């Protein structure tokens, strides 16, 4: 992000881009644990003048919190937790809103993906009851 920020900002303005995705926060080019660095990262994203989505990954031993400064969480308008179950050529994904500023918490979103060796073949919204909790329920 530190290397491409100005280029992204120019492209957002030139092409009227409405959403920028940063995958992942660990690629922002600054410290993940220093609060001042985290604030600079969030300020950089806000300067783009459009909506942005920053993906943060959890540590392997703690899936309840994104690694790093709490300022990432403080700066987020919404935070979502994403989990999945996969079996053969089927994947189920659950998105859970864990924080929302100025918006009511939304119900969990459940999605089913049908895949083959070439990638995703179909995507559909499913009801909570259709989401398996373990692979054996498939």
Foldseek 3Di string as FASTA:
>chain_A
DVVCLVVLLVCCVVVVDAEAEAEAPVPLPDDQADLVRLVVSLVSVVSSVHHYHHDFQPPPVDLPDGDYHCNNVVSDQWDWRKDWADDDQKIKIKIFIPHHHPDDGDDIWIKMFGGDPVGTDDMDTDDPVPGDPYPVVD
